Amino acid sequence: MSYGAIAEYVGLPNPRMVGRVMSLYGGGVPWHRVVAATGRVVPGHETEALRRHRDEGTPLRGDRVDLRHAAWWPPPPD
């Protein structure tokens, strides 16, 4: 998912808030799976994030996640 998709899903007004929450409280979250809307991986951690994506078989286009084929959206909450 992208930061914006997560923000929309949980009702946050700004995708940057997702990044902030993850940096403070997201230790158990697979951080590499959250990318920018362009598919860009976490800045400053590109090598590790791309290694993890390759290991998981995530569709990539160069150094970006191919969101057309890799994006995930959770089912609506009950």
PDB file of N, CA and C in Angstrom:
ATOM      1  N   MET A   1       0.849  -1.185   0.000  1.00  0.00           N
ATOM      2  CA  MET A   1       0.000   0.000   0.000  1.00  0.00           C
ATOM      3  C   MET A   1       0.885   1.235   0.000  1.00  0.00           C
ATOM      4  N   SER A   2       0.336   2.305  -0.491  1.00  0.00           N
ATOM      5  CA  SER A   2       1.040   3.574  -0.432  1.00  0.00           C
ATOM      6  C   SER A   2       0.655   4.296   0.859  1.00  0.00           C
ATOM      7  N   TYR A   3       1.465   5.273   1.226  1.00  0.00           N
ATOM      8  CA  TYR A   3       1.158   6.081   2.409  1.00  0.00           C
ATOM      9  C   TYR A   3      -0.219   6.731   2.252  1.00  0.00           C
ATOM     10  N   GLY A   4      -0.513   7.216   1.057  1.00  0.00           N
ATOM     11  CA  GLY A   4      -1.806   7.851   0.810  1.00  0.00           C
ATOM     12  C   GLY A   4      -2.973   6.887   0.933  1.00  0.00           C
ATOM     13  N   ALA A   5      -2.805   5.663   0.455  1.00  0.00           N
ATOM     14  CA  ALA A   5      -3.871   4.666   0.556  1.00  0.00           C
ATOM     15  C   ALA A   5      -4.141   4.305   2.011  1.00  0.00           C
ATOM     16  N   ILE A   6      -3.074   4.191   2.797  1.00  0.00           N
ATOM     17  CA  ILE A   6      -3.257   3.904   4.216  1.00  0.00           C
ATOM     18  C   ILE A   6      -3.958   5.071   4.898  1.00  0.00           C
ATOM     19  N   ALA A   7      -3.529   6.293   4.601  1.00  0.00           N
ATOM     20  CA  ALA A   7      -4.166   7.477   5.197  1.00  0.00           C
ATOM     21  C   ALA A   7      -5.650   7.511   4.862  1.00  0.00           C
ATOM     22  N   GLU A   8      -5.989   7.236   3.620  1.00  0.00           N
ATOM     23  CA  GLU A   8      -7.394   7.222   3.212  1.00  0.00           C
ATOM     24  C   GLU A   8      -8.164   6.138   3.966  1.00  0.00           C
ATOM     25  N   TYR A   9      -7.583   4.956   4.077  1.00  0.00           N
ATOM     26  CA  TYR A   9      -8.259   3.829   4.721  1.00  0.00           C
ATOM     27  C   TYR A   9      -8.526   4.091   6.203  1.00  0.00           C
ATOM     28  N   VAL A  10      -7.556   4.681   6.900  1.00  0.00           N
ATOM     29  CA  VAL A  10      -7.720   4.896   8.340  1.00  0.00           C
ATOM     30  C   VAL A  10      -8.278   6.270   8.674  1.00  0.00           C
ATOM     31  N   GLY A  11      -8.501   7.100   7.657  1.00  0.00           N
ATOM     32  CA  GLY A  11      -9.133   8.391   7.878  1.00  0.00           C
ATOM     33  C   GLY A  11      -8.199   9.512   8.303  1.00  0.00           C
ATOM     34  N   LEU A  12      -6.918   9.398   7.967  1.00  0.00           N
ATOM     35  CA  LEU A  12      -5.990  10.483   8.254  1.00  0.00           C
ATOM     36  C   LEU A  12      -6.014  11.487   7.108  1.00  0.00           C
ATOM     37  N   PRO A  13      -5.856  12.774   7.408  1.00  0.00           N
ATOM     38  CA  PRO A  13      -5.933  13.786   6.357  1.00  0.00           C
ATOM     39  C   PRO A  13      -4.680  13.905   5.501  1.00  0.00           C
ATOM     40  N   ASN A  14      -3.562  13.305   5.929  1.00  0.00           N
ATOM     41  CA  ASN A  14      -2.304  13.534   5.236  1.00  0.00           C
ATOM     42  C   ASN A  14      -1.460  12.253   5.245  1.00  0.00           C
ATOM     43  N   PRO A  15      -0.950  11.826   4.086  1.00  0.00           N
ATOM     44  CA  PRO A  15      -0.104  10.632   4.035  1.00  0.00           C
ATOM     45  C   PRO A  15       1.157  10.748   4.890  1.00  0.00           C
ATOM     46  N   ARG A  16       1.650  11.957   5.075  1.00  0.00           N
ATOM     47  CA  ARG A  16       2.860  12.125   5.897  1.00  0.00           C
ATOM     48  C   ARG A  16       2.618  11.685   7.336  1.00  0.00           C
ATOM     49  N   MET A  17       1.368  11.781   7.772  1.00  0.00           N
ATOM     50  CA  MET A  17       1.043  11.341   9.131  1.00  0.00           C
ATOM     51  C   MET A  17       1.255   9.836   9.276  1.00  0.00           C
ATOM     52  N   VAL A  18       1.021   9.099   8.212  1.00  0.00           N
ATOM     53  CA  VAL A  18       1.242   7.649   8.234  1.00  0.00           C
ATOM     54  C   VAL A  18       2.724   7.364   8.469  1.00  0.00           C
ATOM     55  N   GLY A  19       3.573   8.063   7.752  1.00  0.00           N
ATOM     56  CA  GLY A  19       5.011   7.884   7.931  1.00  0.00           C
ATOM     57  C   GLY A  19       5.451   8.219   9.344  1.00  0.00           C
ATOM     58  N   ARG A  20       4.897   9.266   9.892  1.00  0.00           N
ATOM     59  CA  ARG A  20       5.253   9.670  11.252  1.00  0.00           C
ATOM     60  C   ARG A  20       4.810   8.609  12.269  1.00  0.00           C
ATOM     61  N   VAL A  21       3.581   8.138  12.141  1.00  0.00           N
ATOM     62  CA  VAL A  21       3.086   7.113  13.057  1.00  0.00           C
ATOM     63  C   VAL A  21       3.939   5.849  12.938  1.00  0.00           C
ATOM     64  N   MET A  22       4.266   5.468  11.713  1.00  0.00           N
ATOM     65  CA  MET A  22       5.091   4.270  11.521  1.00  0.00           C
ATOM     66  C   MET A  22       6.475   4.443  12.134  1.00  0.00           C
ATOM     67  N   SER A  23       7.053   5.648  12.013  1.00  0.00           N
ATOM     68  CA  SER A  23       8.390   5.852  12.566  1.00  0.00           C
ATOM     69  C   SER A  23       8.384   5.788  14.084  1.00  0.00           C
ATOM     70  N   LEU A  24       7.278   6.174  14.704  1.00  0.00           N
ATOM     71  CA  LEU A  24       7.202   6.170  16.164  1.00  0.00           C
ATOM     72  C   LEU A  24       6.717   4.845  16.741  1.00  0.00           C
ATOM     73  N   TYR A  25       5.758   4.207  16.056  1.00  0.00           N
ATOM     74  CA  TYR A  25       5.087   3.047  16.651  1.00  0.00           C
ATOM     75  C   TYR A  25       5.049   1.805  15.761  1.00  0.00           C
ATOM     76  N   GLY A  26       5.661   1.859  14.612  1.00  0.00           N
ATOM     77  CA  GLY A  26       5.511   0.776  13.642  1.00  0.00           C
ATOM     78  C   GLY A  26       6.602  -0.261  13.642  1.00  0.00           C
ATOM     79  N   GLY A  27       7.233  -0.503  14.776  1.00  0.00           N
ATOM     80  CA  GLY A  27       8.336  -1.450  14.827  1.00  0.00           C
ATOM     81  C   GLY A  27       7.997  -2.839  14.326  1.00  0.00           C
ATOM     82  N   GLY A  28       6.769  -3.287  14.533  1.00  0.00           N
ATOM     83  CA  GLY A  28       6.380  -4.628  14.112  1.00  0.00           C
ATOM     84  C   GLY A  28       5.769  -4.685  12.725  1.00  0.00           C
ATOM     85  N   VAL A  29       5.684  -3.549  12.071  1.00  0.00           N
ATOM     86  CA  VAL A  29       5.063  -3.461  10.744  1.00  0.00           C
ATOM     87  C   VAL A  29       6.116  -3.737   9.671  1.00  0.00           C
ATOM     88  N   PRO A  30       5.769  -4.474   8.616  1.00  0.00           N
ATOM     89  CA  PRO A  30       6.721  -4.671   7.517  1.00  0.00           C
ATOM     90  C   PRO A  30       6.877  -3.360   6.734  1.00  0.00           C
ATOM     91  N   TRP A  31       7.683  -2.473   7.258  1.00  0.00           N
ATOM     92  CA  TRP A  31       7.845  -1.104   6.775  1.00  0.00           C
ATOM     93  C   TRP A  31       8.159  -1.003   5.284  1.00  0.00           C
ATOM     94  N   HIS A  32       8.873  -1.974   4.749  1.00  0.00           N
ATOM     95  CA  HIS A  32       9.283  -1.912   3.346  1.00  0.00           C
ATOM     96  C   HIS A  32       8.098  -2.035   2.389  1.00  0.00           C
ATOM     97  N   ARG A  33       6.976  -2.528   2.891  1.00  0.00           N
ATOM     98  CA  ARG A  33       5.804  -2.710   2.037  1.00  0.00           C
ATOM     99  C   ARG A  33       4.989  -1.432   1.863  1.00  0.00           C
ATOM    100  N   VAL A  34       5.307  -0.401   2.610  1.00  0.00           N
ATOM    101  CA  VAL A  34       4.622   0.884   2.468  1.00  0.00           C
ATOM    102  C   VAL A  34       5.509   1.766   1.600  1.00  0.00           C
ATOM    103  N   VAL A  35       4.955   2.231   0.500  1.00  0.00           N
ATOM    104  CA  VAL A  35       5.733   2.985  -0.486  1.00  0.00           C
ATOM    105  C   VAL A  35       4.999   4.265  -0.857  1.00  0.00           C
ATOM    106  N   ALA A  36       5.705   5.141  -1.558  1.00  0.00           N
ATOM    107  CA  ALA A  36       5.084   6.355  -2.077  1.00  0.00           C
ATOM    108  C   ALA A  36       4.113   5.986  -3.198  1.00  0.00           C
ATOM    109  N   ALA A  37       3.242   6.904  -3.550  1.00  0.00           N
ATOM    110  CA  ALA A  37       2.253   6.663  -4.613  1.00  0.00           C
ATOM    111  C   ALA A  37       2.916   6.344  -5.950  1.00  0.00           C
ATOM    112  N   THR A  38       4.174   6.730  -6.103  1.00  0.00           N
ATOM    113  CA  THR A  38       4.920   6.445  -7.330  1.00  0.00           C
ATOM    114  C   THR A  38       5.603   5.084  -7.289  1.00  0.00           C
ATOM    115  N   GLY A  39       5.503   4.390  -6.143  1.00  0.00           N
ATOM    116  CA  GLY A  39       6.181   3.111  -5.980  1.00  0.00           C
ATOM    117  C   GLY A  39       7.573   3.239  -5.390  1.00  0.00           C
ATOM    118  N   ARG A  40       7.997   4.466  -5.129  1.00  0.00           N
ATOM    119  CA  ARG A  40       9.322   4.693  -4.546  1.00  0.00           C
ATOM    120  C   ARG A  40       9.361   4.113  -3.136  1.00  0.00           C
ATOM    121  N   VAL A  41      10.441   3.404  -2.820  1.00  0.00           N
ATOM    122  CA  VAL A  41      10.591   2.809  -1.494  1.00  0.00           C
ATOM    123  C   VAL A  41      11.107   3.853  -0.512  1.00  0.00           C
ATOM    124  N   VAL A  42      11.184   3.480   0.760  1.00  0.00           N
ATOM    125  CA  VAL A  42      11.558   4.407   1.827  1.00  0.00           C
ATOM    126  C   VAL A  42      12.925   5.032   1.561  1.00  0.00           C
ATOM    127  N   PRO A  43      12.984   6.365   1.449  1.00  0.00           N
ATOM    128  CA  PRO A  43      14.267   7.030   1.229  1.00  0.00           C
ATOM    129  C   PRO A  43      15.242   6.759   2.371  1.00  0.00           C
ATOM    130  N   GLY A  44      16.477   6.508   2.008  1.00  0.00           N
ATOM    131  CA  GLY A  44      17.505   6.214   2.995  1.00  0.00           C
ATOM    132  C   GLY A  44      17.615   4.730   3.321  1.00  0.00           C
ATOM    133  N   HIS A  45      16.639   3.957   2.885  1.00  0.00           N
ATOM    134  CA  HIS A  45      16.635   2.513   3.147  1.00  0.00           C
ATOM    135  C   HIS A  45      16.365   1.739   1.863  1.00  0.00           C
ATOM    136  N   GLU A  46      16.699   2.350   0.740  1.00  0.00           N
ATOM    137  CA  GLU A  46      16.379   1.760  -0.559  1.00  0.00           C
ATOM    138  C   GLU A  46      16.986   0.369  -0.748  1.00  0.00           C
ATOM    139  N   THR A  47      18.247   0.213  -0.404  1.00  0.00           N
ATOM    140  CA  THR A  47      18.919  -1.068  -0.640  1.00  0.00           C
ATOM    141  C   THR A  47      18.228  -2.196   0.114  1.00  0.00           C
ATOM    142  N   GLU A  48      17.962  -1.971   1.397  1.00  0.00           N
ATOM    143  CA  GLU A  48      17.313  -3.007   2.212  1.00  0.00           C
ATOM    144  C   GLU A  48      15.877  -3.247   1.765  1.00  0.00           C
ATOM    145  N   ALA A  49      15.135  -2.172   1.479  1.00  0.00           N
ATOM    146  CA  ALA A  49      13.737  -2.326   1.057  1.00  0.00           C
ATOM    147  C   ALA A  49      13.655  -3.096  -0.262  1.00  0.00           C
ATOM    148  N   LEU A  50      14.490  -2.741  -1.219  1.00  0.00           N
ATOM    149  CA  LEU A  50      14.460  -3.433  -2.510  1.00  0.00           C
ATOM    150  C   LEU A  50      14.895  -4.892  -2.368  1.00  0.00           C
ATOM    151  N   ARG A  51      15.861  -5.171  -1.493  1.00  0.00           N
ATOM    152  CA  ARG A  51      16.260  -6.562  -1.250  1.00  0.00           C
ATOM    153  C   ARG A  51      15.077  -7.360  -0.721  1.00  0.00           C
ATOM    154  N   ARG A  52      14.358  -6.783   0.232  1.00  0.00           N
ATOM    155  CA  ARG A  52      13.198  -7.474   0.798  1.00  0.00           C
ATOM    156  C   ARG A  52      12.113  -7.687  -0.260  1.00  0.00           C
ATOM    157  N   HIS A  53      11.878  -6.679  -1.087  1.00  0.00           N
ATOM    158  CA  HIS A  53      10.870  -6.822  -2.145  1.00  0.00           C
ATOM    159  C   HIS A  53      11.273  -7.914  -3.130  1.00  0.00           C
ATOM    160  N   ARG A  54      12.535  -7.930  -3.494  1.00  0.00           N
ATOM    161  CA  ARG A  54      12.991  -8.980  -4.422  1.00  0.00           C
ATOM    162  C   ARG A  54      12.844 -10.358  -3.791  1.00  0.00           C
ATOM    163  N   ASP A  55      13.210 -10.470  -2.512  1.00  0.00           N
ATOM    164  CA  ASP A  55      13.083 -11.759  -1.816  1.00  0.00           C
ATOM    165  C   ASP A  55      11.634 -12.223  -1.760  1.00  0.00           C
ATOM    166  N   GLU A  56      10.690 -11.278  -1.653  1.00  0.00           N
ATOM    167  CA  GLU A  56       9.264 -11.615  -1.574  1.00  0.00           C
ATOM    168  C   GLU A  56       8.626 -11.793  -2.945  1.00  0.00           C
ATOM    169  N   GLY A  57       9.362 -11.445  -3.998  1.00  0.00           N
ATOM    170  CA  GLY A  57       8.809 -11.566  -5.342  1.00  0.00           C
ATOM    171  C   GLY A  57       7.875 -10.432  -5.723  1.00  0.00           C
ATOM    172  N   THR A  58       8.022  -9.294  -5.075  1.00  0.00           N
ATOM    173  CA  THR A  58       7.198  -8.129  -5.388  1.00  0.00           C
ATOM    174  C   THR A  58       7.487  -7.656  -6.806  1.00  0.00           C
ATOM    175  N   PRO A  59       6.454  -7.388  -7.610  1.00  0.00           N
ATOM    176  CA  PRO A  59       6.690  -6.848  -8.949  1.00  0.00           C
ATOM    177  C   PRO A  59       7.358  -5.466  -8.859  1.00  0.00           C
ATOM    178  N   LEU A  60       8.472  -5.318  -9.549  1.00  0.00           N
ATOM    179  CA  LEU A  60       9.220  -4.061  -9.555  1.00  0.00           C
ATOM    180  C   LEU A  60       9.345  -3.539 -10.975  1.00  0.00           C
ATOM    181  N   ARG A  61       9.519  -2.233 -11.066  1.00  0.00           N
ATOM    182  CA  ARG A  61       9.881  -1.575 -12.328  1.00  0.00           C
ATOM    183  C   ARG A  61      11.125  -0.771 -12.017  1.00  0.00           C
ATOM    184  N   GLY A  62      12.268  -1.352 -12.292  1.00  0.00           N
ATOM    185  CA  GLY A  62      13.523  -0.705 -11.916  1.00  0.00           C
ATOM    186  C   GLY A  62      13.669  -0.707 -10.402  1.00  0.00           C
ATOM    187  N   ASP A  63      13.802   0.501  -9.827  1.00  0.00           N
ATOM    188  CA  ASP A  63      13.972   0.608  -8.376  1.00  0.00           C
ATOM    189  C   ASP A  63      12.685   1.032  -7.670  1.00  0.00           C
ATOM    190  N   ARG A  64      11.543   0.773  -8.315  1.00  0.00           N
ATOM    191  CA  ARG A  64      10.248   1.125  -7.726  1.00  0.00           C
ATOM    192  C   ARG A  64       9.316  -0.079  -7.742  1.00  0.00           C
ATOM    193  N   VAL A  65       8.409  -0.096  -6.781  1.00  0.00           N
ATOM    194  CA  VAL A  65       7.391  -1.146  -6.742  1.00  0.00           C
ATOM    195  C   VAL A  65       6.382  -0.861  -7.850  1.00  0.00           C
ATOM    196  N   ASP A  66       6.042  -1.859  -8.613  1.00  0.00           N
ATOM    197  CA  ASP A  66       5.044  -1.714  -9.673  1.00  0.00           C
ATOM    198  C   ASP A  66       3.659  -1.814  -9.024  1.00  0.00           C
ATOM    199  N   LEU A  67       3.117  -0.672  -8.626  1.00  0.00           N
ATOM    200  CA  LEU A  67       1.859  -0.657  -7.891  1.00  0.00           C
ATOM    201  C   LEU A  67       0.686  -1.169  -8.709  1.00  0.00           C
ATOM    202  N   ARG A  68       0.775  -1.089  -9.999  1.00  0.00           N
ATOM    203  CA  ARG A  68      -0.310  -1.624 -10.830  1.00  0.00           C
ATOM    204  C   ARG A  68      -0.506  -3.117 -10.558  1.00  0.00           C
ATOM    205  N   HIS A  69       0.599  -3.810 -10.299  1.00  0.00           N
ATOM    206  CA  HIS A  69       0.542  -5.252 -10.075  1.00  0.00           C
ATOM    207  C   HIS A  69       0.740  -5.664  -8.616  1.00  0.00           C
ATOM    208  N   ALA A  70       1.261  -4.765  -7.790  1.00  0.00           N
ATOM    209  CA  ALA A  70       1.609  -5.159  -6.424  1.00  0.00           C
ATOM    210  C   ALA A  70       0.735  -4.525  -5.346  1.00  0.00           C
ATOM    211  N   ALA A  71      -0.050  -3.515  -5.692  1.00  0.00           N
ATOM    212  CA  ALA A  71      -0.831  -2.818  -4.660  1.00  0.00           C
ATOM    213  C   ALA A  71      -1.830  -3.763  -4.012  1.00  0.00           C
ATOM    214  N   TRP A  72      -2.041  -3.542  -2.743  1.00  0.00           N
ATOM    215  CA  TRP A  72      -2.989  -4.337  -1.953  1.00  0.00           C
ATOM    216  C   TRP A  72      -3.936  -3.382  -1.251  1.00  0.00           C
ATOM    217  N   TRP A  73      -5.180  -3.769  -1.166  1.00  0.00           N
ATOM    218  CA  TRP A  73      -6.178  -2.977  -0.458  1.00  0.00           C
ATOM    219  C   TRP A  73      -6.942  -3.904   0.481  1.00  0.00           C
ATOM    220  N   PRO A  74      -7.038  -3.550   1.759  1.00  0.00           N
ATOM    221  CA  PRO A  74      -7.720  -4.447   2.691  1.00  0.00           C
ATOM    222  C   PRO A  74      -9.234  -4.438   2.461  1.00  0.00           C
ATOM    223  N   PRO A  75      -9.892  -5.491   2.905  1.00  0.00           N
ATOM    224  CA  PRO A  75     -11.351  -5.499   2.789  1.00  0.00           C
ATOM    225  C   PRO A  75     -11.947  -4.419   3.706  1.00  0.00           C
ATOM    226  N   PRO A  76     -13.138  -3.938   3.392  1.00  0.00           N
ATOM    227  CA  PRO A  76     -13.752  -2.907   4.252  1.00  0.00           C
ATOM    228  C   PRO A  76     -13.951  -3.429   5.674  1.00  0.00           C
ATOM    229  N   PRO A  77     -13.784  -2.539   6.658  1.00  0.00           N
ATOM    230  CA  PRO A  77     -14.002  -2.977   8.033  1.00  0.00           C
ATOM    231  C   PRO A  77     -15.467  -3.320   8.266  1.00  0.00           C
ATOM    232  N   ASP A  78     -15.716  -4.215   9.195  1.00  0.00           N
ATOM    233  CA  ASP A  78     -17.100  -4.606   9.510  1.00  0.00           C
ATOM    234  C   ASP A  78     -17.811  -3.548  10.311  1.00  0.00           C
TER     235      ASP A  78
END
